Amino acid sequence: MKSYSSLKNLNKACIKCNSCGLSKTRKNVVVGKGNEAAHIVIIGEGPGEQEDITGLPFVGRAGKMLDTVLSSVDIDPLKDCYITNIVKCRPPNNRKPSSNETEACMPWLTEQINLLRPKIIILAGSTAVQSFLGIKEPISKIRGQWIEKDNIKYMPIFHPSYLLRNPSKEKGKPKWLTWQDLQKVKKELNSI
């Protein structure tokens, strides 16, 4: 993949991509949203139905949950973060993207990260962790632990859609654990 001088140029090229079969069923390519100068990049799995319709990541129920958990630790989702996904097109029926689909999209994501130059990357869910870092361990085993690579700190967290299915805020439950994880992110952000 060629290098791009700006996210705007990358976005223009990305919306024309037809590297995998997802390009045949999408309504929109969902490249990213947020502050391009932010120190935090959040990477999810892939667009859902609402994202495919709007062309923006994390705007459906999971997006509202993400906004809520970020705001609970005083991280502004649009001011403090840039948000994207492993794959830029919606997998049919919101299924998990295949390895071929994630491989086809990875150059786009890598170039986004090169242009954004974040200090912190939040990986939301197992697919993001496995696809981006190649770590196969379950998210329940590695969430909340900093992983450092190439001068970037990675924080794996539960995917917001998982939090929707597990709504309890009780100590030790996924929502409570995610709140703990994001407090670590906020502390790191404050130290930058």
N, C-alpha and C. Protein backbone atom coordinates (compact mmCIF):
# COMPACT_ATOMS: atom_id res chain seq x y z
N MET A 1 0.84 -1.18 0.00
CA MET A 1 0.00 0.00 0.00
C MET A 1 0.88 1.24 0.00
N LYS A 2 0.44 2.23 -0.74
CA LYS A 2 1.19 3.48 -0.76
C LYS A 2 0.94 4.25 0.52
N SER A 3 1.82 5.17 0.82
CA SER A 3 1.64 6.05 1.97
C SER A 3 0.81 7.25 1.53
N TYR A 4 0.05 7.78 2.48
CA TYR A 4 -0.81 8.93 2.20
C TYR A 4 -0.32 10.12 3.01
N SER A 5 -0.50 11.31 2.46
CA SER A 5 -0.02 12.52 3.12
C SER A 5 -0.96 12.99 4.22
N SER A 6 -2.21 12.50 4.19
CA SER A 6 -3.18 12.92 5.20
C SER A 6 -4.28 11.87 5.32
N LEU A 7 -5.01 11.95 6.42
CA LEU A 7 -6.16 11.05 6.59
C LEU A 7 -7.23 11.32 5.53
N LYS A 8 -7.36 12.58 5.15
CA LYS A 8 -8.34 12.94 4.12
C LYS A 8 -8.03 12.20 2.82
N ASN A 9 -6.76 12.15 2.43
CA ASN A 9 -6.38 11.44 1.21
C ASN A 9 -6.56 9.93 1.37
N LEU A 10 -6.23 9.41 2.55
CA LEU A 10 -6.44 7.99 2.81
C LEU A 10 -7.93 7.65 2.72
N ASN A 11 -8.78 8.48 3.32
CA ASN A 11 -10.23 8.25 3.29
C ASN A 11 -10.75 8.20 1.86
N LYS A 12 -10.30 9.13 1.02
CA LYS A 12 -10.75 9.17 -0.38
C LYS A 12 -10.40 7.87 -1.10
N ALA A 13 -9.20 7.35 -0.83
CA ALA A 13 -8.77 6.10 -1.47
C ALA A 13 -9.51 4.90 -0.88
N CYS A 14 -9.68 4.91 0.44
CA CYS A 14 -10.29 3.78 1.13
C CYS A 14 -11.74 3.56 0.69
N ILE A 15 -12.49 4.63 0.43
CA ILE A 15 -13.89 4.46 0.04
C ILE A 15 -14.06 3.81 -1.34
N LYS A 16 -12.95 3.71 -2.08
CA LYS A 16 -12.99 3.05 -3.39
C LYS A 16 -12.51 1.60 -3.32
N CYS A 17 -12.11 1.16 -2.13
CA CYS A 17 -11.51 -0.17 -1.97
C CYS A 17 -12.49 -1.29 -2.33
N ASN A 18 -11.97 -2.27 -3.03
CA ASN A 18 -12.74 -3.49 -3.30
C ASN A 18 -11.83 -4.72 -3.15
N SER A 19 -10.98 -4.68 -2.12
CA SER A 19 -10.00 -5.74 -1.88
C SER A 19 -10.59 -7.05 -1.36
N CYS A 20 -11.83 -6.99 -0.84
CA CYS A 20 -12.46 -8.22 -0.35
C CYS A 20 -13.95 -8.20 -0.67
N GLY A 21 -14.61 -9.29 -0.39
CA GLY A 21 -16.03 -9.44 -0.71
C GLY A 21 -16.95 -8.50 0.03
N LEU A 22 -16.50 -7.93 1.15
CA LEU A 22 -17.36 -7.01 1.90
C LEU A 22 -17.71 -5.77 1.07
N SER A 23 -16.87 -5.45 0.10
CA SER A 23 -17.12 -4.27 -0.73
C SER A 23 -18.39 -4.44 -1.57
N LYS A 24 -18.79 -5.68 -1.80
CA LYS A 24 -19.98 -5.93 -2.63
C LYS A 24 -21.29 -5.74 -1.88
N THR A 25 -21.25 -5.84 -0.54
CA THR A 25 -22.49 -5.77 0.24
C THR A 25 -22.62 -4.49 1.07
N ARG A 26 -21.60 -3.67 1.09
CA ARG A 26 -21.63 -2.46 1.94
C ARG A 26 -22.49 -1.37 1.32
N LYS A 27 -22.99 -0.48 2.22
CA LYS A 27 -23.60 0.76 1.78
C LYS A 27 -22.53 1.86 1.79
N ASN A 28 -21.73 1.87 2.86
CA ASN A 28 -20.68 2.87 3.03
C ASN A 28 -19.41 2.22 3.57
N VAL A 29 -18.28 2.79 3.22
CA VAL A 29 -17.02 2.44 3.86
C VAL A 29 -16.95 3.29 5.13
N VAL A 30 -16.63 2.65 6.24
CA VAL A 30 -16.60 3.33 7.53
C VAL A 30 -15.14 3.45 7.95
N VAL A 31 -14.55 4.61 7.68
CA VAL A 31 -13.11 4.78 7.88
C VAL A 31 -12.78 5.17 9.31
N GLY A 32 -13.41 6.21 9.83
CA GLY A 32 -13.12 6.64 11.19
C GLY A 32 -13.80 7.95 11.51
N LYS A 33 -13.69 8.34 12.79
CA LYS A 33 -14.23 9.63 13.24
C LYS A 33 -13.46 10.07 14.47
N GLY A 34 -13.52 11.35 14.75
CA GLY A 34 -12.91 11.86 15.97
C GLY A 34 -11.82 12.86 15.69
N ASN A 35 -11.01 13.09 16.70
CA ASN A 35 -9.95 14.09 16.66
C ASN A 35 -8.67 13.47 16.11
N GLU A 36 -8.23 13.93 14.96
CA GLU A 36 -7.03 13.39 14.32
C GLU A 36 -5.76 13.71 15.11
N ALA A 37 -5.83 14.66 16.02
CA ALA A 37 -4.67 15.01 16.84
C ALA A 37 -4.72 14.35 18.23
N ALA A 38 -5.72 13.51 18.47
CA ALA A 38 -5.88 12.87 19.78
C ALA A 38 -4.74 11.89 20.07
N HIS A 39 -4.48 11.70 21.35
CA HIS A 39 -3.45 10.74 21.76
C HIS A 39 -4.00 9.31 21.82
N ILE A 40 -5.33 9.16 21.79
CA ILE A 40 -5.96 7.84 21.90
C ILE A 40 -6.63 7.47 20.58
N VAL A 41 -6.35 6.25 20.12
CA VAL A 41 -7.09 5.65 19.01
C VAL A 41 -7.83 4.44 19.58
N ILE A 42 -9.09 4.33 19.23
CA ILE A 42 -9.90 3.18 19.63
C ILE A 42 -10.17 2.36 18.38
N ILE A 43 -9.88 1.06 18.48
CA ILE A 43 -10.09 0.16 17.35
C ILE A 43 -11.10 -0.91 17.75
N GLY A 44 -12.20 -0.98 17.01
CA GLY A 44 -13.21 -2.01 17.21
C GLY A 44 -13.08 -3.08 16.15
N GLU A 45 -14.11 -3.91 16.05
CA GLU A 45 -14.10 -5.04 15.12
C GLU A 45 -14.46 -4.63 13.70
N GLY A 46 -15.66 -4.08 13.55
CA GLY A 46 -16.15 -3.70 12.23
C GLY A 46 -17.47 -2.98 12.34
N PRO A 47 -17.89 -2.33 11.27
CA PRO A 47 -19.15 -1.59 11.29
C PRO A 47 -20.35 -2.52 11.43
N GLY A 48 -21.36 -2.04 12.14
CA GLY A 48 -22.65 -2.70 12.21
C GLY A 48 -23.61 -2.02 11.25
N GLU A 49 -24.89 -2.32 11.39
CA GLU A 49 -25.90 -1.79 10.48
C GLU A 49 -25.96 -0.26 10.50
N GLN A 50 -26.01 0.33 11.69
CA GLN A 50 -26.10 1.80 11.79
C GLN A 50 -24.84 2.47 11.23
N GLU A 51 -23.70 1.86 11.46
CA GLU A 51 -22.44 2.39 10.96
C GLU A 51 -22.40 2.32 9.43
N ASP A 52 -22.90 1.21 8.88
CA ASP A 52 -22.94 1.04 7.43
C ASP A 52 -23.85 2.10 6.79
N ILE A 53 -24.93 2.42 7.47
CA ILE A 53 -25.87 3.43 6.96
C ILE A 53 -25.27 4.83 7.03
N THR A 54 -24.64 5.17 8.17
CA THR A 54 -24.15 6.54 8.37
C THR A 54 -22.74 6.76 7.83
N GLY A 55 -21.96 5.69 7.70
CA GLY A 55 -20.57 5.84 7.28
C GLY A 55 -19.64 6.24 8.43
N LEU A 56 -20.13 6.14 9.67
CA LEU A 56 -19.34 6.50 10.85
C LEU A 56 -19.25 5.32 11.81
N PRO A 57 -18.09 5.11 12.47
CA PRO A 57 -17.97 4.00 13.41
C PRO A 57 -18.64 4.28 14.75
N PHE A 58 -19.08 3.23 15.40
CA PHE A 58 -19.62 3.28 16.77
C PHE A 58 -20.71 4.34 16.93
N VAL A 59 -21.76 4.25 16.11
CA VAL A 59 -22.90 5.16 16.26
C VAL A 59 -24.17 4.45 16.71
N GLY A 60 -24.18 3.13 16.70
CA GLY A 60 -25.35 2.37 17.14
C GLY A 60 -25.34 2.20 18.65
N ARG A 61 -26.01 1.16 19.13
CA ARG A 61 -26.11 0.91 20.58
C ARG A 61 -24.72 0.71 21.21
N ALA A 62 -23.86 -0.04 20.53
CA ALA A 62 -22.50 -0.26 21.07
C ALA A 62 -21.73 1.06 21.13
N GLY A 63 -21.95 1.92 20.15
CA GLY A 63 -21.30 3.23 20.15
C GLY A 63 -21.75 4.10 21.30
N LYS A 64 -23.04 4.05 21.60
CA LYS A 64 -23.56 4.82 22.74
C LYS A 64 -22.97 4.26 24.05
N MET A 65 -22.82 2.94 24.12
CA MET A 65 -22.20 2.33 25.31
C MET A 65 -20.74 2.77 25.42
N LEU A 66 -20.02 2.77 24.30
CA LEU A 66 -18.63 3.22 24.30
C LEU A 66 -18.54 4.65 24.81
N ASP A 67 -19.40 5.52 24.29
CA ASP A 67 -19.41 6.93 24.73
C ASP A 67 -19.64 7.01 26.24
N THR A 68 -20.57 6.20 26.74
CA THR A 68 -20.91 6.21 28.17
C THR A 68 -19.73 5.79 29.03
N VAL A 69 -19.06 4.68 28.65
CA VAL A 69 -17.95 4.20 29.49
C VAL A 69 -16.75 5.16 29.40
N LEU A 70 -16.51 5.74 28.25
CA LEU A 70 -15.42 6.72 28.14
C LEU A 70 -15.73 7.96 28.99
N SER A 71 -16.95 8.45 28.86
CA SER A 71 -17.35 9.65 29.62
C SER A 71 -17.29 9.41 31.13
N SER A 72 -17.52 8.15 31.56
CA SER A 72 -17.51 7.84 32.99
C SER A 72 -16.13 8.04 33.62
N VAL A 73 -15.09 8.07 32.80
CA VAL A 73 -13.73 8.34 33.30
C VAL A 73 -13.19 9.66 32.75
N ASP A 74 -14.11 10.49 32.28
CA ASP A 74 -13.78 11.83 31.79
C ASP A 74 -12.88 11.81 30.56
N ILE A 75 -13.16 10.87 29.65
CA ILE A 75 -12.52 10.87 28.33
C ILE A 75 -13.61 11.24 27.33
N ASP A 76 -13.40 12.30 26.59
CA ASP A 76 -14.38 12.74 25.59
C ASP A 76 -14.17 11.92 24.31
N PRO A 77 -15.20 11.16 23.88
CA PRO A 77 -15.04 10.26 22.73
C PRO A 77 -14.62 10.96 21.43
N LEU A 78 -15.02 12.19 21.23
CA LEU A 78 -14.66 12.88 19.98
C LEU A 78 -13.48 13.82 20.13
N LYS A 79 -13.29 14.39 21.32
CA LYS A 79 -12.17 15.32 21.53
C LYS A 79 -10.88 14.58 21.87
N ASP A 80 -10.99 13.55 22.71
CA ASP A 80 -9.80 12.85 23.21
C ASP A 80 -9.44 11.61 22.39
N CYS A 81 -10.28 11.24 21.42
CA CYS A 81 -10.10 9.97 20.72
C CYS A 81 -10.32 10.09 19.21
N TYR A 82 -9.71 9.17 18.50
CA TYR A 82 -10.04 8.90 17.10
C TYR A 82 -10.51 7.45 17.09
N ILE A 83 -11.64 7.18 16.46
CA ILE A 83 -12.27 5.86 16.53
C ILE A 83 -12.35 5.23 15.15
N THR A 84 -11.95 3.97 15.05
CA THR A 84 -11.98 3.24 13.79
C THR A 84 -12.23 1.76 14.08
N ASN A 85 -12.11 0.92 13.05
CA ASN A 85 -12.33 -0.52 13.18
C ASN A 85 -11.27 -1.29 12.41
N ILE A 86 -11.17 -2.58 12.72
CA ILE A 86 -10.28 -3.47 11.98
C ILE A 86 -10.70 -3.52 10.51
N VAL A 87 -11.98 -3.82 10.25
CA VAL A 87 -12.48 -3.81 8.87
C VAL A 87 -13.33 -2.56 8.67
N LYS A 88 -13.31 -2.04 7.46
CA LYS A 88 -13.98 -0.77 7.17
C LYS A 88 -15.36 -0.95 6.53
N CYS A 89 -15.73 -2.20 6.22
CA CYS A 89 -17.04 -2.48 5.64
C CYS A 89 -17.77 -3.48 6.52
N ARG A 90 -19.09 -3.38 6.56
CA ARG A 90 -19.89 -4.23 7.43
C ARG A 90 -19.92 -5.68 6.94
N PRO A 91 -19.54 -6.61 7.81
CA PRO A 91 -19.76 -8.01 7.48
C PRO A 91 -21.27 -8.30 7.51
N PRO A 92 -21.80 -9.05 6.53
CA PRO A 92 -23.23 -9.35 6.51
C PRO A 92 -23.72 -9.92 7.84
N ASN A 93 -24.89 -9.46 8.28
CA ASN A 93 -25.51 -9.91 9.53
C ASN A 93 -24.62 -9.68 10.75
N ASN A 94 -23.72 -8.72 10.64
CA ASN A 94 -22.81 -8.35 11.74
C ASN A 94 -21.95 -9.52 12.23
N ARG A 95 -21.68 -10.46 11.33
CA ARG A 95 -20.83 -11.59 11.72
C ARG A 95 -19.40 -11.10 11.94
N LYS A 96 -18.60 -11.96 12.59
CA LYS A 96 -17.19 -11.65 12.80
C LYS A 96 -16.49 -11.63 11.44
N PRO A 97 -15.62 -10.65 11.19
CA PRO A 97 -14.92 -10.64 9.90
C PRO A 97 -13.99 -11.84 9.76
N SER A 98 -13.88 -12.34 8.55
CA SER A 98 -12.99 -13.48 8.28
C SER A 98 -11.54 -13.02 8.29
N SER A 99 -10.62 -13.97 8.37
CA SER A 99 -9.19 -13.61 8.36
C SER A 99 -8.81 -12.95 7.04
N ASN A 100 -9.41 -13.40 5.92
CA ASN A 100 -9.14 -12.76 4.62
C ASN A 100 -9.60 -11.31 4.61
N GLU A 101 -10.75 -11.05 5.23
CA GLU A 101 -11.28 -9.69 5.27
C GLU A 101 -10.41 -8.79 6.16
N THR A 102 -9.99 -9.32 7.32
CA THR A 102 -9.14 -8.50 8.19
C THR A 102 -7.79 -8.25 7.54
N GLU A 103 -7.24 -9.25 6.86
CA GLU A 103 -5.96 -9.07 6.16
C GLU A 103 -6.07 -8.05 5.04
N ALA A 104 -7.19 -8.05 4.34
CA ALA A 104 -7.39 -7.09 3.24
C ALA A 104 -7.47 -5.65 3.77
N CYS A 105 -8.02 -5.49 4.97
CA CYS A 105 -8.18 -4.15 5.55
C CYS A 105 -6.98 -3.68 6.36
N MET A 106 -6.15 -4.58 6.79
CA MET A 106 -5.05 -4.21 7.69
C MET A 106 -4.14 -3.10 7.15
N PRO A 107 -3.81 -3.08 5.85
CA PRO A 107 -2.98 -1.96 5.36
C PRO A 107 -3.63 -0.59 5.57
N TRP A 108 -4.96 -0.53 5.45
CA TRP A 108 -5.65 0.74 5.69
C TRP A 108 -5.47 1.16 7.15
N LEU A 109 -5.68 0.22 8.05
CA LEU A 109 -5.56 0.51 9.48
C LEU A 109 -4.13 0.88 9.85
N THR A 110 -3.18 0.16 9.33
CA THR A 110 -1.77 0.45 9.60
C THR A 110 -1.42 1.87 9.15
N GLU A 111 -1.89 2.24 7.98
CA GLU A 111 -1.63 3.60 7.47
C GLU A 111 -2.33 4.65 8.33
N GLN A 112 -3.56 4.35 8.79
CA GLN A 112 -4.23 5.28 9.71
C GLN A 112 -3.39 5.51 10.95
N ILE A 113 -2.89 4.43 11.54
CA ILE A 113 -2.08 4.54 12.76
C ILE A 113 -0.81 5.34 12.47
N ASN A 114 -0.18 5.10 11.32
CA ASN A 114 1.02 5.85 10.94
C ASN A 114 0.74 7.35 10.85
N LEU A 115 -0.42 7.71 10.31
CA LEU A 115 -0.78 9.12 10.17
C LEU A 115 -1.21 9.74 11.50
N LEU A 116 -1.92 8.98 12.33
CA LEU A 116 -2.44 9.50 13.59
C LEU A 116 -1.38 9.59 14.69
N ARG A 117 -0.46 8.65 14.69
CA ARG A 117 0.64 8.60 15.67
C ARG A 117 0.15 8.68 17.11
N PRO A 118 -0.77 7.79 17.50
CA PRO A 118 -1.29 7.83 18.87
C PRO A 118 -0.26 7.35 19.89
N LYS A 119 -0.47 7.74 21.13
CA LYS A 119 0.35 7.24 22.25
C LYS A 119 -0.32 6.01 22.88
N ILE A 120 -1.67 5.97 22.77
CA ILE A 120 -2.47 4.90 23.39
C ILE A 120 -3.44 4.36 22.34
N ILE A 121 -3.54 3.04 22.27
CA ILE A 121 -4.56 2.41 21.42
C ILE A 121 -5.40 1.50 22.31
N ILE A 122 -6.70 1.76 22.32
CA ILE A 122 -7.65 0.91 23.02
C ILE A 122 -8.17 -0.09 22.00
N LEU A 123 -7.99 -1.37 22.29
CA LEU A 123 -8.48 -2.44 21.42
C LEU A 123 -9.76 -3.00 22.03
N ALA A 124 -10.88 -2.73 21.37
CA ALA A 124 -12.19 -3.12 21.89
C ALA A 124 -12.58 -4.50 21.37
N GLY A 125 -12.37 -5.50 22.20
CA GLY A 125 -12.80 -6.86 21.88
C GLY A 125 -11.70 -7.75 21.33
N SER A 126 -11.98 -9.05 21.34
CA SER A 126 -11.01 -10.07 20.91
C SER A 126 -10.57 -9.92 19.46
N THR A 127 -11.52 -9.61 18.57
CA THR A 127 -11.16 -9.51 17.15
C THR A 127 -10.12 -8.42 16.93
N ALA A 128 -10.28 -7.28 17.60
CA ALA A 128 -9.31 -6.20 17.45
C ALA A 128 -7.94 -6.63 17.98
N VAL A 129 -7.92 -7.29 19.13
CA VAL A 129 -6.65 -7.73 19.73
C VAL A 129 -5.97 -8.77 18.84
N GLN A 130 -6.73 -9.77 18.42
CA GLN A 130 -6.17 -10.84 17.59
C GLN A 130 -5.70 -10.32 16.24
N SER A 131 -6.52 -9.51 15.60
CA SER A 131 -6.18 -9.02 14.26
C SER A 131 -5.01 -8.04 14.28
N PHE A 132 -4.99 -7.15 15.26
CA PHE A 132 -3.99 -6.09 15.25
C PHE A 132 -2.68 -6.50 15.91
N LEU A 133 -2.75 -7.26 17.00
CA LEU A 133 -1.53 -7.64 17.71
C LEU A 133 -1.17 -9.12 17.56
N GLY A 134 -2.08 -9.90 16.97
CA GLY A 134 -1.80 -11.33 16.79
C GLY A 134 -1.88 -12.13 18.08
N ILE A 135 -2.49 -11.56 19.11
CA ILE A 135 -2.62 -12.25 20.40
C ILE A 135 -3.91 -13.08 20.39
N LYS A 136 -3.77 -14.37 20.63
CA LYS A 136 -4.92 -15.27 20.54
C LYS A 136 -5.60 -15.53 21.89
N GLU A 137 -5.00 -15.06 22.98
CA GLU A 137 -5.60 -15.29 24.30
C GLU A 137 -6.97 -14.63 24.38
N PRO A 138 -7.89 -15.21 25.16
CA PRO A 138 -9.21 -14.59 25.30
C PRO A 138 -9.11 -13.20 25.92
N ILE A 139 -10.00 -12.34 25.53
CA ILE A 139 -10.01 -10.97 26.04
C ILE A 139 -10.15 -10.96 27.56
N SER A 140 -10.86 -11.93 28.10
CA SER A 140 -11.06 -11.98 29.55
C SER A 140 -9.74 -12.19 30.30
N LYS A 141 -8.74 -12.76 29.63
CA LYS A 141 -7.44 -13.01 30.27
C LYS A 141 -6.48 -11.81 30.14
N ILE A 142 -6.61 -11.02 29.09
CA ILE A 142 -5.63 -9.95 28.84
C ILE A 142 -6.18 -8.54 29.01
N ARG A 143 -7.50 -8.40 29.15
CA ARG A 143 -8.06 -7.05 29.29
C ARG A 143 -7.49 -6.39 30.54
N GLY A 144 -7.33 -5.10 30.43
CA GLY A 144 -6.85 -4.34 31.57
C GLY A 144 -5.34 -4.35 31.77
N GLN A 145 -4.61 -5.04 30.89
CA GLN A 145 -3.15 -5.10 31.01
C GLN A 145 -2.52 -4.33 29.85
N TRP A 146 -1.61 -3.42 30.17
CA TRP A 146 -0.92 -2.68 29.13
C TRP A 146 -0.03 -3.62 28.32
N ILE A 147 -0.05 -3.44 27.03
CA ILE A 147 0.85 -4.14 26.11
C ILE A 147 1.61 -3.04 25.37
N GLU A 148 2.92 -3.06 25.43
CA GLU A 148 3.71 -2.02 24.76
C GLU A 148 4.37 -2.59 23.52
N LYS A 149 4.26 -1.83 22.43
CA LYS A 149 4.85 -2.25 21.15
C LYS A 149 5.06 -1.00 20.31
N ASP A 150 6.25 -0.84 19.76
CA ASP A 150 6.56 0.28 18.87
C ASP A 150 6.23 1.64 19.49
N ASN A 151 6.57 1.81 20.76
CA ASN A 151 6.33 3.07 21.48
C ASN A 151 4.86 3.46 21.60
N ILE A 152 3.99 2.48 21.50
CA ILE A 152 2.56 2.70 21.70
C ILE A 152 2.11 1.77 22.83
N LYS A 153 1.25 2.29 23.70
CA LYS A 153 0.67 1.47 24.76
C LYS A 153 -0.73 1.02 24.32
N TYR A 154 -0.95 -0.29 24.37
CA TYR A 154 -2.22 -0.88 23.97
C TYR A 154 -2.98 -1.34 25.21
N MET A 155 -4.28 -1.02 25.26
CA MET A 155 -5.13 -1.47 26.35
C MET A 155 -6.29 -2.27 25.77
N PRO A 156 -6.28 -3.60 25.94
CA PRO A 156 -7.43 -4.40 25.51
C PRO A 156 -8.58 -4.23 26.51
N ILE A 157 -9.79 -4.03 25.97
CA ILE A 157 -10.99 -3.93 26.82
C ILE A 157 -12.08 -4.81 26.19
N PHE A 158 -13.11 -5.08 26.99
CA PHE A 158 -14.27 -5.78 26.44
C PHE A 158 -14.93 -4.89 25.39
N HIS A 159 -15.48 -5.52 24.36
CA HIS A 159 -16.20 -4.75 23.33
C HIS A 159 -17.48 -4.18 23.95
N PRO A 160 -17.85 -2.96 23.60
CA PRO A 160 -19.08 -2.37 24.15
C PRO A 160 -20.33 -3.22 23.93
N SER A 161 -20.40 -3.96 22.84
CA SER A 161 -21.58 -4.82 22.61
C SER A 161 -21.65 -5.93 23.67
N TYR A 162 -20.49 -6.38 24.16
CA TYR A 162 -20.45 -7.36 25.24
C TYR A 162 -21.00 -6.74 26.53
N LEU A 163 -20.69 -5.47 26.75
CA LEU A 163 -21.20 -4.77 27.93
C LEU A 163 -22.72 -4.61 27.86
N LEU A 164 -23.25 -4.44 26.67
CA LEU A 164 -24.71 -4.36 26.50
C LEU A 164 -25.38 -5.68 26.91
N ARG A 165 -24.69 -6.78 26.63
CA ARG A 165 -25.24 -8.10 26.97
C ARG A 165 -25.00 -8.46 28.44
N ASN A 166 -24.12 -7.71 29.09
CA ASN A 166 -23.77 -7.94 30.50
C ASN A 166 -23.87 -6.62 31.26
N PRO A 167 -25.09 -6.15 31.52
CA PRO A 167 -25.28 -4.77 32.00
C PRO A 167 -24.95 -4.51 33.48
N SER A 168 -24.73 -5.54 34.27
CA SER A 168 -24.48 -5.32 35.70
C SER A 168 -23.22 -4.48 35.92
N LYS A 169 -23.32 -3.52 36.85
CA LYS A 169 -22.17 -2.69 37.22
C LYS A 169 -21.50 -3.22 38.50
N GLU A 170 -21.95 -4.38 38.94
CA GLU A 170 -21.44 -4.99 40.16
C GLU A 170 -19.93 -5.23 40.06
N LYS A 171 -19.25 -5.11 41.19
CA LYS A 171 -17.80 -5.32 41.23
C LYS A 171 -17.46 -6.69 40.65
N GLY A 172 -16.45 -6.71 39.74
CA GLY A 172 -16.02 -7.96 39.12
C GLY A 172 -16.74 -8.30 37.82
N LYS A 173 -17.83 -7.61 37.52
CA LYS A 173 -18.58 -7.84 36.27
C LYS A 173 -17.93 -7.04 35.14
N PRO A 174 -18.22 -7.41 33.86
CA PRO A 174 -17.55 -6.75 32.72
C PRO A 174 -17.62 -5.22 32.71
N LYS A 175 -18.76 -4.63 33.06
CA LYS A 175 -18.85 -3.16 33.05
C LYS A 175 -17.91 -2.55 34.09
N TRP A 176 -17.90 -3.13 35.27
CA TRP A 176 -17.02 -2.64 36.34
C TRP A 176 -15.56 -2.80 35.93
N LEU A 177 -15.23 -3.96 35.35
CA LEU A 177 -13.85 -4.21 34.91
C LEU A 177 -13.43 -3.20 33.82
N THR A 178 -14.34 -2.92 32.89
CA THR A 178 -14.04 -1.95 31.82
C THR A 178 -13.81 -0.57 32.41
N TRP A 179 -14.59 -0.22 33.41
CA TRP A 179 -14.41 1.06 34.08
C TRP A 179 -13.02 1.13 34.70
N GLN A 180 -12.56 0.03 35.32
CA GLN A 180 -11.22 -0.04 35.89
C GLN A 180 -10.16 0.14 34.80
N ASP A 181 -10.36 -0.57 33.67
CA ASP A 181 -9.41 -0.51 32.56
C ASP A 181 -9.29 0.91 32.01
N LEU A 182 -10.44 1.57 31.87
CA LEU A 182 -10.43 2.92 31.30
C LEU A 182 -9.89 3.96 32.28
N GLN A 183 -9.96 3.68 33.57
CA GLN A 183 -9.31 4.57 34.54
C GLN A 183 -7.79 4.52 34.34
N LYS A 184 -7.25 3.36 34.00
CA LYS A 184 -5.82 3.24 33.69
C LYS A 184 -5.47 4.06 32.45
N VAL A 185 -6.37 4.01 31.45
CA VAL A 185 -6.16 4.78 30.23
C VAL A 185 -6.17 6.28 30.55
N LYS A 186 -7.12 6.71 31.36
CA LYS A 186 -7.22 8.13 31.73
C LYS A 186 -5.96 8.57 32.48
N LYS A 187 -5.47 7.73 33.38
CA LYS A 187 -4.25 8.06 34.13
C LYS A 187 -3.07 8.21 33.17
N GLU A 188 -2.98 7.30 32.20
CA GLU A 188 -1.89 7.37 31.20
C GLU A 188 -2.04 8.62 30.35
N LEU A 189 -3.26 8.93 29.93
CA LEU A 189 -3.52 10.13 29.12
C LEU A 189 -3.10 11.38 29.89
N ASN A 190 -3.42 11.43 31.18
CA ASN A 190 -3.05 12.59 31.99
C ASN A 190 -1.54 12.75 32.12
N SER A 191 -0.80 11.66 31.95
CA SER A 191 0.66 11.74 32.11
C SER A 191 1.38 12.15 30.82
N ILE A 192 0.64 12.24 29.73
CA ILE A 192 1.26 12.58 28.43
C ILE A 192 1.47 14.09 28.33
